[in-house]
Amino acid sequence: MRYGYPLSGPLLLLAAIVSATGCGQDDITRYQISRIDPPENKVRLLAAMVPTETATWFIKYTGPLEPVAAHESAFHKLVESVSFTGDKIEYKLPEGWTEVLGGADVRHSTIMLPEKIGTATVTKFGKDAGSVLANVNRWRKEVAAEELMATELPESTETIPLGKWAAVYVDVKGPGKKINPMQPPMPMARQQAQPKVVGDPAAPKDLPFAYELPEGWKLDGKATQFSIMNVTTGGARMTVSSVGGSLPENISRWFGQAKLPATADDVKAGMKARNLGGRDGHTVELIGKEFAILGAAVPLDGQHLYFKLSGEPKAVETQKPAFERFLQSLRFGAGKGATDGK
């Protein structure tokens, strides 16, 4: 049995209008949406993260699809060969691969592949270098691949046993579009002061120190993977970084960059104790034939901040008085902004 209500006057009128107008094809608006294909993969990144008791090591090779595919097996074997003697990393280079020790502040070495088709890098950070997920997604951003959820990690990474330790191995492809500067793989020292140069968009924010910029120095807003502050100084360059590793290890890398002997005694003799901004820091002066470094290291929250003026010897010598004024202006935890030195 069907139950209902009789149509009243207004409802009868509505029914009549609907019946009269109908619902013909001419009343339907159609939209055609073009299919958007995903961007073509053009770049491939191979990387390994090796956390140990005292440090975290990163080995990475990035390049066009074909060259990386040709050397993927050799790169994998390099990672498989990694071992440690104390804090020292060791590995077996594939045939035809060559290595140059040192480089950027945290770079252990640069590995050149055959036929000049690319380079791999080995870098060392402190123990607290971020989670596996954070670093994997950082690498995926480099090639413009979509980020992963934590539940997707097991299917997107490989674990390579390395005796007492293990490497997390990543192989990812992407279109390789340009992205903004990478997030450093390790957290920087806890932020205290917040210096800035008023009106200068290149002034870094949230630094743990205040400073005065010498006249003629120009802030460079281009962040890098490792530096938290960059300054051009007319022929030389000044950077500030917060990196892992011990103080002697990092100073030893500077010796290597200046192509100076870097025995343990050399490094110890080259480090001069000095008060910097109220903290017990160290300075070094490394003048090589082709490259020179004036540097300072300041302990902060269990790590060190490294202030490095580098370039051709003549340019560095010219900027030495300005670098000295900059060091004298440093204040930690003062909570004051920087001035432009004018």
C-alpha atoms as a PDB file:
ATOM      1  CA  MET A   1       0.000   0.000   0.000  1.00  0.00           C
ATOM      2  CA  ARG A   2       1.393   3.420  -0.937  1.00  0.00           C
ATOM      3  CA  TYR A   3       1.058   6.344   1.407  1.00  0.00           C
ATOM      4  CA  GLY A   4       1.390  10.009   0.471  1.00  0.00           C
ATOM      5  CA  TYR A   5      -0.092  13.450   0.638  1.00  0.00           C
ATOM      6  CA  PRO A   6      -2.368  14.998  -1.998  1.00  0.00           C
ATOM      7  CA  LEU A   7      -0.724  17.770  -4.031  1.00  0.00           C
ATOM      8  CA  SER A   8      -1.713  21.197  -2.799  1.00  0.00           C
ATOM      9  CA  GLY A   9      -2.047  24.285  -5.005  1.00  0.00           C
ATOM     10  CA  PRO A  10       1.599  25.526  -4.879  1.00  0.00           C
ATOM     11  CA  LEU A  11       2.982  22.046  -5.465  1.00  0.00           C
ATOM     12  CA  LEU A  12       0.693  21.552  -8.465  1.00  0.00           C
ATOM     13  CA  LEU A  13       1.986  24.835  -9.921  1.00  0.00           C
ATOM     14  CA  LEU A  14       5.631  23.755  -9.424  1.00  0.00           C
ATOM     15  CA  ALA A  15       4.964  20.420 -11.103  1.00  0.00           C
ATOM     16  CA  ALA A  16       3.420  22.179 -14.057  1.00  0.00           C
ATOM     17  CA  ILE A  17       6.431  24.503 -14.477  1.00  0.00           C
ATOM     18  CA  VAL A  18       8.913  21.590 -14.374  1.00  0.00           C
ATOM     19  CA  SER A  19       6.836  19.665 -16.894  1.00  0.00           C
ATOM     20  CA  ALA A  20       6.668  22.652 -19.242  1.00  0.00           C
ATOM     21  CA  THR A  21      10.396  23.506 -19.167  1.00  0.00           C
ATOM     22  CA  GLY A  22      11.562  19.922 -19.283  1.00  0.00           C
ATOM     23  CA  CYS A  23      15.164  18.764 -18.851  1.00  0.00           C
ATOM     24  CA  GLY A  24      16.475  18.722 -22.365  1.00  0.00           C
ATOM     25  CA  GLN A  25      20.093  18.408 -23.557  1.00  0.00           C
ATOM     26  CA  ASP A  26      20.276  22.137 -24.289  1.00  0.00           C
ATOM     27  CA  ASP A  27      20.033  22.918 -20.577  1.00  0.00           C
ATOM     28  CA  ILE A  28      23.173  20.927 -19.674  1.00  0.00           C
ATOM     29  CA  THR A  29      26.567  22.650 -19.681  1.00  0.00           C
ATOM     30  CA  ARG A  30      29.463  20.344 -20.470  1.00  0.00           C
ATOM     31  CA  TYR A  31      33.097  20.844 -19.376  1.00  0.00           C
ATOM     32  CA  GLN A  32      36.078  19.078 -20.868  1.00  0.00           C
ATOM     33  CA  ILE A  33      39.060  18.665 -18.578  1.00  0.00           C
ATOM     34  CA  SER A  34      42.382  17.856 -20.193  1.00  0.00           C
ATOM     35  CA  ARG A  35      44.379  15.038 -18.681  1.00  0.00           C
ATOM     36  CA  ILE A  36      47.474  16.256 -16.856  1.00  0.00           C
ATOM     37  CA  ASP A  37      50.299  13.765 -17.156  1.00  0.00           C
ATOM     38  CA  PRO A  38      52.857  13.648 -14.341  1.00  0.00           C
ATOM     39  CA  PRO A  39      56.193  15.312 -15.155  1.00  0.00           C
ATOM     40  CA  GLU A  40      58.773  13.066 -16.754  1.00  0.00           C
ATOM     41  CA  ASN A  41      61.510  11.780 -14.488  1.00  0.00           C
ATOM     42  CA  LYS A  42      64.854  13.241 -15.517  1.00  0.00           C
ATOM     43  CA  VAL A  43      67.020  12.965 -12.384  1.00  0.00           C
ATOM     44  CA  ARG A  44      67.960  10.026 -10.196  1.00  0.00           C
ATOM     45  CA  LEU A  45      69.375  10.217  -6.678  1.00  0.00           C
ATOM     46  CA  LEU A  46      71.177   7.419  -4.874  1.00  0.00           C
ATOM     47  CA  ALA A  47      71.977   7.994  -1.221  1.00  0.00           C
ATOM     48  CA  ALA A  48      72.798   6.228   2.001  1.00  0.00           C
ATOM     49  CA  MET A  49      72.440   7.397   5.592  1.00  0.00           C
ATOM     50  CA  VAL A  50      74.656   5.645   8.148  1.00  0.00           C
ATOM     51  CA  PRO A  51      73.997   6.577  11.795  1.00  0.00           C
ATOM     52  CA  THR A  52      76.732   5.512  14.227  1.00  0.00           C
ATOM     53  CA  GLU A  53      77.243   6.022  17.920  1.00  0.00           C
ATOM     54  CA  THR A  54      78.950   9.389  17.522  1.00  0.00           C
ATOM     55  CA  ALA A  55      78.045  10.677  14.042  1.00  0.00           C
ATOM     56  CA  THR A  56      75.810  10.332  11.015  1.00  0.00           C
ATOM     57  CA  TRP A  57      77.361   9.782   7.592  1.00  0.00           C
ATOM     58  CA  PHE A  58      75.743  10.573   4.248  1.00  0.00           C
ATOM     59  CA  ILE A  59      76.876   9.209   0.879  1.00  0.00           C
ATOM     60  CA  LYS A  60      75.096  10.598  -2.182  1.00  0.00           C
ATOM     61  CA  TYR A  61      75.227  10.515  -5.969  1.00  0.00           C
ATOM     62  CA  THR A  62      72.798  12.509  -8.137  1.00  0.00           C
ATOM     63  CA  GLY A  63      72.631  12.928 -11.883  1.00  0.00           C
ATOM     64  CA  PRO A  64      70.726  12.289 -15.135  1.00  0.00           C
ATOM     65  CA  LEU A  65      68.954   8.947 -15.406  1.00  0.00           C
ATOM     66  CA  GLU A  66      71.303   7.144 -17.804  1.00  0.00           C
ATOM     67  CA  PRO A  67      74.658   7.904 -16.125  1.00  0.00           C
ATOM     68  CA  VAL A  68      73.288   7.076 -12.685  1.00  0.00           C
ATOM     69  CA  ALA A  69      71.778   3.824 -13.969  1.00  0.00           C
ATOM     70  CA  ALA A  70      75.169   2.857 -15.403  1.00  0.00           C
ATOM     71  CA  HIS A  71      76.860   3.306 -12.016  1.00  0.00           C
ATOM     72  CA  GLU A  72      74.100   2.290  -9.603  1.00  0.00           C
ATOM     73  CA  SER A  73      75.587  -1.168  -9.028  1.00  0.00           C
ATOM     74  CA  ALA A  74      79.046   0.270  -8.313  1.00  0.00           C
ATOM     75  CA  PHE A  75      77.612   2.880  -5.948  1.00  0.00           C
ATOM     76  CA  HIS A  76      75.648   0.181  -4.110  1.00  0.00           C
ATOM     77  CA  LYS A  77      78.817  -1.879  -3.685  1.00  0.00           C
ATOM     78  CA  LEU A  78      80.626   1.191  -2.337  1.00  0.00           C
ATOM     79  CA  VAL A  79      77.951   1.565   0.340  1.00  0.00           C
ATOM     80  CA  GLU A  80      78.134  -2.166   1.104  1.00  0.00           C
ATOM     81  CA  SER A  81      81.895  -1.822   1.679  1.00  0.00           C
ATOM     82  CA  VAL A  82      81.580   0.874   4.370  1.00  0.00           C
ATOM     83  CA  SER A  83      83.223   0.102   7.692  1.00  0.00           C
ATOM     84  CA  PHE A  84      84.439   2.105  10.664  1.00  0.00           C
ATOM     85  CA  THR A  85      87.627   2.146  12.692  1.00  0.00           C
ATOM     86  CA  GLY A  86      86.745   4.267  15.679  1.00  0.00           C
ATOM     87  CA  ASP A  87      85.295   7.466  14.217  1.00  0.00           C
ATOM     88  CA  LYS A  88      87.022   6.987  10.858  1.00  0.00           C
ATOM     89  CA  ILE A  89      84.976   5.831   7.872  1.00  0.00           C
ATOM     90  CA  GLU A  90      86.479   3.454   5.332  1.00  0.00           C
ATOM     91  CA  TYR A  91      85.155   2.116   2.020  1.00  0.00           C
ATOM     92  CA  LYS A  92      86.362   0.555  -1.207  1.00  0.00           C
ATOM     93  CA  LEU A  93      86.230   2.768  -4.289  1.00  0.00           C
ATOM     94  CA  PRO A  94      84.970   1.092  -7.476  1.00  0.00           C
ATOM     95  CA  GLU A  95      87.475   0.692 -10.288  1.00  0.00           C
ATOM     96  CA  GLY A  96      88.123   3.991 -12.056  1.00  0.00           C
ATOM     97  CA  TRP A  97      86.629   6.135  -9.273  1.00  0.00           C
ATOM     98  CA  THR A  98      88.934   8.662  -7.599  1.00  0.00           C
ATOM     99  CA  GLU A  99      88.630  10.611  -4.363  1.00  0.00           C
ATOM    100  CA  VAL A 100      89.613  14.043  -3.097  1.00  0.00           C
ATOM    101  CA  LEU A 101      89.483  14.468   0.675  1.00  0.00           C
ATOM    102  CA  GLY A 102      87.999  17.587   2.216  1.00  0.00           C
ATOM    103  CA  GLY A 103      85.795  20.208   0.610  1.00  0.00           C
ATOM    104  CA  ALA A 104      82.937  22.032   2.307  1.00  0.00           C
ATOM    105  CA  ASP A 105      82.935  22.370   6.085  1.00  0.00           C
ATOM    106  CA  VAL A 106      81.216  19.020   6.684  1.00  0.00           C
ATOM    107  CA  ARG A 107      82.372  17.211   3.555  1.00  0.00           C
ATOM    108  CA  HIS A 108      84.683  14.291   4.170  1.00  0.00           C
ATOM    109  CA  SER A 109      85.431  13.711   0.502  1.00  0.00           C
ATOM    110  CA  THR A 110      84.339  14.187  -3.093  1.00  0.00           C
ATOM    111  CA  ILE A 111      84.385  11.097  -5.314  1.00  0.00           C
ATOM    112  CA  MET A 112      84.876  11.571  -9.057  1.00  0.00           C
ATOM    113  CA  LEU A 113      83.271   9.009 -11.346  1.00  0.00           C
ATOM    114  CA  PRO A 114      84.885   7.813 -14.594  1.00  0.00           C
ATOM    115  CA  GLU A 115      84.630   9.895 -17.768  1.00  0.00           C
ATOM    116  CA  LYS A 116      83.747  13.010 -15.748  1.00  0.00           C
ATOM    117  CA  ILE A 117      80.047  12.136 -15.678  1.00  0.00           C
ATOM    118  CA  GLY A 118      79.444  13.255 -12.117  1.00  0.00           C
ATOM    119  CA  THR A 119      80.582  13.203  -8.527  1.00  0.00           C
ATOM    120  CA  ALA A 120      79.487  11.523  -5.323  1.00  0.00           C
ATOM    121  CA  THR A 121      79.930  13.090  -1.895  1.00  0.00           C
ATOM    122  CA  VAL A 122      80.615  11.758   1.580  1.00  0.00           C
ATOM    123  CA  THR A 123      79.641  14.054   4.448  1.00  0.00           C
ATOM    124  CA  LYS A 124      79.701  13.744   8.196  1.00  0.00           C
ATOM    125  CA  PHE A 125      77.270  15.301  10.645  1.00  0.00           C
ATOM    126  CA  GLY A 126      76.703  14.955  14.359  1.00  0.00           C
ATOM    127  CA  LYS A 127      74.712  12.180  15.953  1.00  0.00           C
ATOM    128  CA  ASP A 128      71.544  14.275  15.901  1.00  0.00           C
ATOM    129  CA  ALA A 129      71.204  14.610  12.126  1.00  0.00           C
ATOM    130  CA  GLY A 130      67.438  14.253  11.843  1.00  0.00           C
ATOM    131  CA  SER A 131      65.198  11.230  11.434  1.00  0.00           C
ATOM    132  CA  VAL A 132      65.391   8.785   8.551  1.00  0.00           C
ATOM    133  CA  LEU A 133      62.029  10.046   7.265  1.00  0.00           C
ATOM    134  CA  ALA A 134      63.140  13.686   7.358  1.00  0.00           C
ATOM    135  CA  ASN A 135      66.332  12.958   5.431  1.00  0.00           C
ATOM    136  CA  VAL A 136      64.640  10.696   2.888  1.00  0.00           C
ATOM    137  CA  ASN A 137      62.048  13.387   2.193  1.00  0.00           C
ATOM    138  CA  ARG A 138      64.812  15.996   1.958  1.00  0.00           C
ATOM    139  CA  TRP A 139      66.432  13.909  -0.769  1.00  0.00           C
ATOM    140  CA  ARG A 140      63.099  13.419  -2.521  1.00  0.00           C
ATOM    141  CA  LYS A 141      62.599  17.193  -2.572  1.00  0.00           C
ATOM    142  CA  GLU A 142      65.955  17.560  -4.322  1.00  0.00           C
ATOM    143  CA  VAL A 143      64.609  15.669  -7.340  1.00  0.00           C
ATOM    144  CA  ALA A 144      61.055  17.045  -6.926  1.00  0.00           C
ATOM    145  CA  ALA A 145      59.560  13.684  -5.974  1.00  0.00           C
ATOM    146  CA  GLU A 146      56.562  13.484  -3.661  1.00  0.00           C
ATOM    147  CA  GLU A 147      57.269  13.173   0.046  1.00  0.00           C
ATOM    148  CA  LEU A 148      56.636   9.893   1.829  1.00  0.00           C
ATOM    149  CA  MET A 149      54.530   9.034   4.838  1.00  0.00           C
ATOM    150  CA  ALA A 150      56.234   7.129   7.640  1.00  0.00           C
ATOM    151  CA  THR A 151      54.304   3.994   6.708  1.00  0.00           C
ATOM    152  CA  GLU A 152      55.796   4.109   3.195  1.00  0.00           C
ATOM    153  CA  LEU A 153      59.431   4.093   4.314  1.00  0.00           C
ATOM    154  CA  PRO A 154      59.927   0.290   4.467  1.00  0.00           C
ATOM    155  CA  GLU A 155      58.865  -0.127   0.834  1.00  0.00           C
ATOM    156  CA  SER A 156      60.907   2.868  -0.373  1.00  0.00           C
ATOM    157  CA  THR A 157      64.227   2.211   1.360  1.00  0.00           C
ATOM    158  CA  GLU A 158      66.690  -0.640   1.700  1.00  0.00           C
ATOM    159  CA  THR A 159      68.631  -1.573   4.815  1.00  0.00           C
ATOM    160  CA  ILE A 160      72.229  -2.600   4.159  1.00  0.00           C
ATOM    161  CA  PRO A 161      73.964  -4.312   7.128  1.00  0.00           C
ATOM    162  CA  LEU A 162      77.405  -2.872   7.886  1.00  0.00           C
ATOM    163  CA  GLY A 163      78.610  -5.006  10.746  1.00  0.00           C
ATOM    164  CA  LYS A 164      77.700  -3.197  13.946  1.00  0.00           C
ATOM    165  CA  TRP A 165      75.833  -0.502  12.007  1.00  0.00           C
ATOM    166  CA  ALA A 166      73.462  -0.349   9.040  1.00  0.00           C
ATOM    167  CA  ALA A 167      72.909   1.973   6.099  1.00  0.00           C
ATOM    168  CA  VAL A 168      69.503   3.203   4.960  1.00  0.00           C
ATOM    169  CA  TYR A 169      69.737   3.149   1.160  1.00  0.00           C
ATOM    170  CA  VAL A 170      67.538   5.318  -1.045  1.00  0.00           C
ATOM    171  CA  ASP A 171      66.978   5.231  -4.811  1.00  0.00           C
ATOM    172  CA  VAL A 172      64.577   7.903  -6.055  1.00  0.00           C
ATOM    173  CA  LYS A 173      63.750   9.474  -9.425  1.00  0.00           C
ATOM    174  CA  GLY A 174      62.061  12.772 -10.171  1.00  0.00           C
ATOM    175  CA  PRO A 175      61.724  15.563 -12.732  1.00  0.00           C
ATOM    176  CA  GLY A 176      64.465  17.449 -10.943  1.00  0.00           C
ATOM    177  CA  LYS A 177      62.868  20.862 -10.952  1.00  0.00           C
ATOM    178  CA  LYS A 178      64.755  23.563  -9.070  1.00  0.00           C
ATOM    179  CA  ILE A 179      63.722  24.028  -5.449  1.00  0.00           C
ATOM    180  CA  ASN A 180      64.609  26.509  -2.756  1.00  0.00           C
ATOM    181  CA  PRO A 181      67.626  25.785  -0.545  1.00  0.00           C
ATOM    182  CA  MET A 182      67.549  22.445   1.215  1.00  0.00           C
ATOM    183  CA  GLN A 183      66.795  22.087   4.853  1.00  0.00           C
ATOM    184  CA  PRO A 184      70.040  21.110   6.545  1.00  0.00           C
ATOM    185  CA  PRO A 185      70.035  17.461   7.593  1.00  0.00           C
ATOM    186  CA  MET A 186      70.719  18.344  11.179  1.00  0.00           C
ATOM    187  CA  PRO A 187      69.092  20.873  13.492  1.00  0.00           C
ATOM    188  CA  MET A 188      71.067  24.025  14.115  1.00  0.00           C
ATOM    189  CA  ALA A 189      72.031  25.205  17.550  1.00  0.00           C
ATOM    190  CA  ARG A 190      69.166  26.430  19.713  1.00  0.00           C
ATOM    191  CA  GLN A 191      68.152  29.924  18.707  1.00  0.00           C
ATOM    192  CA  GLN A 192      68.798  32.697  21.209  1.00  0.00           C
ATOM    193  CA  ALA A 193      69.556  36.124  19.831  1.00  0.00           C
ATOM    194  CA  GLN A 194      67.750  37.326  16.735  1.00  0.00           C
ATOM    195  CA  PRO A 195      70.046  39.727  14.900  1.00  0.00           C
ATOM    196  CA  LYS A 196      69.168  41.333  11.610  1.00  0.00           C
ATOM    197  CA  VAL A 197      70.185  44.219   9.440  1.00  0.00           C
ATOM    198  CA  VAL A 198      67.185  46.528   9.191  1.00  0.00           C
ATOM    199  CA  GLY A 199      65.902  46.884   5.669  1.00  0.00           C
ATOM    200  CA  ASP A 200      68.230  44.252   4.162  1.00  0.00           C
ATOM    201  CA  PRO A 201      66.202  41.295   2.819  1.00  0.00           C
ATOM    202  CA  ALA A 202      69.373  39.208   2.635  1.00  0.00           C
ATOM    203  CA  ALA A 203      69.911  39.396   6.403  1.00  0.00           C
ATOM    204  CA  PRO A 204      69.647  35.919   7.936  1.00  0.00           C
ATOM    205  CA  LYS A 205      67.029  35.507  10.637  1.00  0.00           C
ATOM    206  CA  ASP A 206      66.995  33.616  13.931  1.00  0.00           C
ATOM    207  CA  LEU A 207      70.757  33.371  14.332  1.00  0.00           C
ATOM    208  CA  PRO A 208      72.086  32.422  17.786  1.00  0.00           C
ATOM    209  CA  PHE A 209      74.394  35.449  17.878  1.00  0.00           C
ATOM    210  CA  ALA A 210      74.406  39.201  17.298  1.00  0.00           C
ATOM    211  CA  TYR A 211      77.044  40.914  15.175  1.00  0.00           C
ATOM    212  CA  GLU A 212      78.129  44.085  13.426  1.00  0.00           C
ATOM    213  CA  LEU A 213      78.793  43.833   9.708  1.00  0.00           C
ATOM    214  CA  PRO A 214      82.021  45.604   8.662  1.00  0.00           C
ATOM    215  CA  GLU A 215      81.783  48.311   6.056  1.00  0.00           C
ATOM    216  CA  GLY A 216      82.070  46.913   2.553  1.00  0.00           C
ATOM    217  CA  TRP A 217      80.781  43.466   3.493  1.00  0.00           C
ATOM    218  CA  LYS A 218      77.610  42.399   1.730  1.00  0.00           C
ATOM    219  CA  LEU A 219      75.134  39.830   3.005  1.00  0.00           C
ATOM    220  CA  ASP A 220      74.333  37.121   0.496  1.00  0.00           C
ATOM    221  CA  GLY A 221      70.800  35.772   0.862  1.00  0.00           C
ATOM    222  CA  LYS A 222      71.646  32.542  -0.935  1.00  0.00           C
ATOM    223  CA  ALA A 223      71.415  29.860   1.738  1.00  0.00           C
ATOM    224  CA  THR A 224      73.326  26.628   1.267  1.00  0.00           C
ATOM    225  CA  GLN A 225      72.938  23.165   2.633  1.00  0.00           C
ATOM    226  CA  PHE A 226      75.458  23.818   5.370  1.00  0.00           C
ATOM    227  CA  SER A 227      75.844  27.547   6.003  1.00  0.00           C
ATOM    228  CA  ILE A 228      73.486  29.693   8.065  1.00  0.00           C
ATOM    229  CA  MET A 229      75.069  32.984   7.026  1.00  0.00           C
ATOM    230  CA  ASN A 230      76.974  34.059   3.898  1.00  0.00           C
ATOM    231  CA  VAL A 231      78.866  37.280   3.235  1.00  0.00           C
ATOM    232  CA  THR A 232      80.795  38.482   0.192  1.00  0.00           C
ATOM    233  CA  THR A 233      83.783  40.624   1.075  1.00  0.00           C
ATOM    234  CA  GLY A 234      85.345  41.717  -2.185  1.00  0.00           C
ATOM    235  CA  GLY A 235      87.379  38.775  -3.429  1.00  0.00           C
ATOM    236  CA  ALA A 236      86.824  36.600  -0.363  1.00  0.00           C
ATOM    237  CA  ARG A 237      83.813  34.953   1.239  1.00  0.00           C
ATOM    238  CA  MET A 238      82.744  34.601   4.856  1.00  0.00           C
ATOM    239  CA  THR A 239      80.413  31.818   5.962  1.00  0.00           C
ATOM    240  CA  VAL A 240      78.947  30.730   9.285  1.00  0.00           C
ATOM    241  CA  SER A 241      77.981  27.108   9.755  1.00  0.00           C
ATOM    242  CA  SER A 242      76.878  24.760  12.496  1.00  0.00           C
ATOM    243  CA  VAL A 243      78.092  21.253  11.792  1.00  0.00           C
ATOM    244  CA  GLY A 244      78.736  17.951  13.475  1.00  0.00           C
ATOM    245  CA  GLY A 245      82.063  16.285  14.101  1.00  0.00           C
ATOM    246  CA  SER A 246      84.737  17.208  16.592  1.00  0.00           C
ATOM    247  CA  LEU A 247      86.547  20.544  16.589  1.00  0.00           C
ATOM    248  CA  PRO A 248      89.918  19.026  15.554  1.00  0.00           C
ATOM    249  CA  GLU A 249      88.250  17.094  12.710  1.00  0.00           C
ATOM    250  CA  ASN A 250      86.620  20.195  11.268  1.00  0.00           C
ATOM    251  CA  ILE A 251      89.745  22.325  11.638  1.00  0.00           C
ATOM    252  CA  SER A 252      91.693  19.508   9.973  1.00  0.00           C
ATOM    253  CA  ARG A 253      89.401  19.804   6.954  1.00  0.00           C
ATOM    254  CA  TRP A 254      90.294  23.488   6.739  1.00  0.00           C
ATOM    255  CA  PHE A 255      93.989  22.538   6.690  1.00  0.00           C
ATOM    256  CA  GLY A 256      93.242  20.223   3.783  1.00  0.00           C
ATOM    257  CA  GLN A 257      91.380  22.945   1.881  1.00  0.00           C
ATOM    258  CA  ALA A 258      94.381  25.235   2.233  1.00  0.00           C
ATOM    259  CA  LYS A 259      96.619  22.315   1.192  1.00  0.00           C
ATOM    260  CA  LEU A 260      98.657  22.511   4.377  1.00  0.00           C
ATOM    261  CA  PRO A 261     100.005  19.573   6.449  1.00  0.00           C
ATOM    262  CA  ALA A 262      97.258  18.355   8.748  1.00  0.00           C
ATOM    263  CA  THR A 263      98.777  16.021  11.309  1.00  0.00           C
ATOM    264  CA  ALA A 264      97.237  15.993  14.779  1.00  0.00           C
ATOM    265  CA  ASP A 265     100.170  18.103  16.028  1.00  0.00           C
ATOM    266  CA  ASP A 266      99.738  20.596  13.166  1.00  0.00           C
ATOM    267  CA  VAL A 267      96.051  21.030  13.941  1.00  0.00           C
ATOM    268  CA  LYS A 268      96.647  21.394  17.667  1.00  0.00           C
ATOM    269  CA  ALA A 269      99.392  23.981  17.135  1.00  0.00           C
ATOM    270  CA  GLY A 270      97.252  25.914  14.655  1.00  0.00           C
ATOM    271  CA  MET A 271      94.289  26.338  17.013  1.00  0.00           C
ATOM    272  CA  LYS A 272      94.662  29.442  19.181  1.00  0.00           C
ATOM    273  CA  ALA A 273      92.415  29.733  22.244  1.00  0.00           C
ATOM    274  CA  ARG A 274      90.498  32.994  22.370  1.00  0.00           C
ATOM    275  CA  ASN A 275      87.468  34.538  24.024  1.00  0.00           C
ATOM    276  CA  LEU A 276      84.811  35.219  21.392  1.00  0.00           C
ATOM    277  CA  GLY A 277      81.603  36.930  22.448  1.00  0.00           C
ATOM    278  CA  GLY A 278      82.093  35.827  26.047  1.00  0.00           C
ATOM    279  CA  ARG A 279      82.759  32.188  25.097  1.00  0.00           C
ATOM    280  CA  ASP A 280      85.948  30.126  25.068  1.00  0.00           C
ATOM    281  CA  GLY A 281      86.571  29.685  21.358  1.00  0.00           C
ATOM    282  CA  HIS A 282      89.480  29.092  19.001  1.00  0.00           C
ATOM    283  CA  THR A 283      90.865  30.817  15.914  1.00  0.00           C
ATOM    284  CA  VAL A 284      93.090  29.606  13.080  1.00  0.00           C
ATOM    285  CA  GLU A 285      95.069  31.318  10.321  1.00  0.00           C
ATOM    286  CA  LEU A 286      95.822  29.059   7.363  1.00  0.00           C
ATOM    287  CA  ILE A 287      97.606  30.701   4.442  1.00  0.00           C
ATOM    288  CA  GLY A 288      98.348  28.333   1.571  1.00  0.00           C
ATOM    289  CA  LYS A 289      99.888  29.114  -1.802  1.00  0.00           C
ATOM    290  CA  GLU A 290      96.557  29.202  -3.635  1.00  0.00           C
ATOM    291  CA  PHE A 291      93.928  29.242  -0.903  1.00  0.00           C
ATOM    292  CA  ALA A 292      93.719  30.811   2.545  1.00  0.00           C
ATOM    293  CA  ILE A 293      91.356  30.550   5.518  1.00  0.00           C
ATOM    294  CA  LEU A 294      90.887  32.692   8.590  1.00  0.00           C
ATOM    295  CA  GLY A 295      88.576  30.838  10.915  1.00  0.00           C
ATOM    296  CA  ALA A 296      86.989  30.830  14.342  1.00  0.00           C
ATOM    297  CA  ALA A 297      85.058  28.199  16.263  1.00  0.00           C
ATOM    298  CA  VAL A 298      82.713  28.953  19.153  1.00  0.00           C
ATOM    299  CA  PRO A 299      81.049  26.282  21.320  1.00  0.00           C
ATOM    300  CA  LEU A 300      77.269  26.545  21.494  1.00  0.00           C
ATOM    301  CA  ASP A 301      74.766  24.026  22.850  1.00  0.00           C
ATOM    302  CA  GLY A 302      77.031  21.007  22.547  1.00  0.00           C
ATOM    303  CA  GLN A 303      78.234  21.855  19.040  1.00  0.00           C
ATOM    304  CA  HIS A 304      80.398  24.545  17.442  1.00  0.00           C
ATOM    305  CA  LEU A 305      79.652  27.519  15.257  1.00  0.00           C
ATOM    306  CA  TYR A 306      82.318  27.963  12.588  1.00  0.00           C
ATOM    307  CA  PHE A 307      83.143  31.402  11.171  1.00  0.00           C
ATOM    308  CA  LYS A 308      85.253  31.057   8.031  1.00  0.00           C
ATOM    309  CA  LEU A 309      86.767  33.725   5.783  1.00  0.00           C
ATOM    310  CA  SER A 310      88.253  32.067   2.693  1.00  0.00           C
ATOM    311  CA  GLY A 311      89.535  32.803  -0.780  1.00  0.00           C
ATOM    312  CA  GLU A 312      92.755  33.650  -2.551  1.00  0.00           C
ATOM    313  CA  PRO A 313      95.536  34.513  -0.066  1.00  0.00           C
ATOM    314  CA  LYS A 314      95.782  38.161  -1.118  1.00  0.00           C
ATOM    315  CA  ALA A 315      92.037  38.738  -0.791  1.00  0.00           C
ATOM    316  CA  VAL A 316      91.911  37.050   2.614  1.00  0.00           C
ATOM    317  CA  GLU A 317      94.879  39.068   3.898  1.00  0.00           C
ATOM    318  CA  THR A 318      93.164  42.275   2.739  1.00  0.00           C
ATOM    319  CA  GLN A 319      89.992  41.391   4.649  1.00  0.00           C
ATOM    320  CA  LYS A 320      91.782  40.237   7.801  1.00  0.00           C
ATOM    321  CA  PRO A 321      91.222  43.536   9.739  1.00  0.00           C
ATOM    322  CA  ALA A 322      87.499  43.489   8.847  1.00  0.00           C
ATOM    323  CA  PHE A 323      87.201  39.838   9.931  1.00  0.00           C
ATOM    324  CA  GLU A 324      88.856  40.740  13.218  1.00  0.00           C
ATOM    325  CA  ARG A 325      86.314  43.537  13.783  1.00  0.00           C
ATOM    326  CA  PHE A 326      83.506  41.130  12.986  1.00  0.00           C
ATOM    327  CA  LEU A 327      84.767  38.609  15.540  1.00  0.00           C
ATOM    328  CA  GLN A 328      85.110  41.327  18.180  1.00  0.00           C
ATOM    329  CA  SER A 329      81.480  42.337  17.606  1.00  0.00           C
ATOM    330  CA  LEU A 330      80.022  38.879  18.272  1.00  0.00           C
ATOM    331  CA  ARG A 331      77.549  38.582  21.138  1.00  0.00           C
ATOM    332  CA  PHE A 332      75.780  35.379  22.082  1.00  0.00           C
ATOM    333  CA  GLY A 333      72.357  35.416  23.680  1.00  0.00           C
ATOM    334  CA  ALA A 334      72.346  39.197  23.812  1.00  0.00           C
ATOM    335  CA  GLY A 335      68.982  39.439  22.112  1.00  0.00           C
ATOM    336  CA  LYS A 336      70.038  42.518  20.141  1.00  0.00           C
ATOM    337  CA  GLY A 337      69.947  43.016  16.432  1.00  0.00           C
ATOM    338  CA  ALA A 338      72.996  43.616  14.303  1.00  0.00           C
ATOM    339  CA  THR A 339      73.965  46.923  12.821  1.00  0.00           C
ATOM    340  CA  ASP A 340      75.475  47.540   9.421  1.00  0.00           C
ATOM    341  CA  GLY A 341      78.730  48.955  10.788  1.00  0.00           C
ATOM    342  CA  LYS A 342      78.161  52.427   9.311  1.00  0.00           C
END
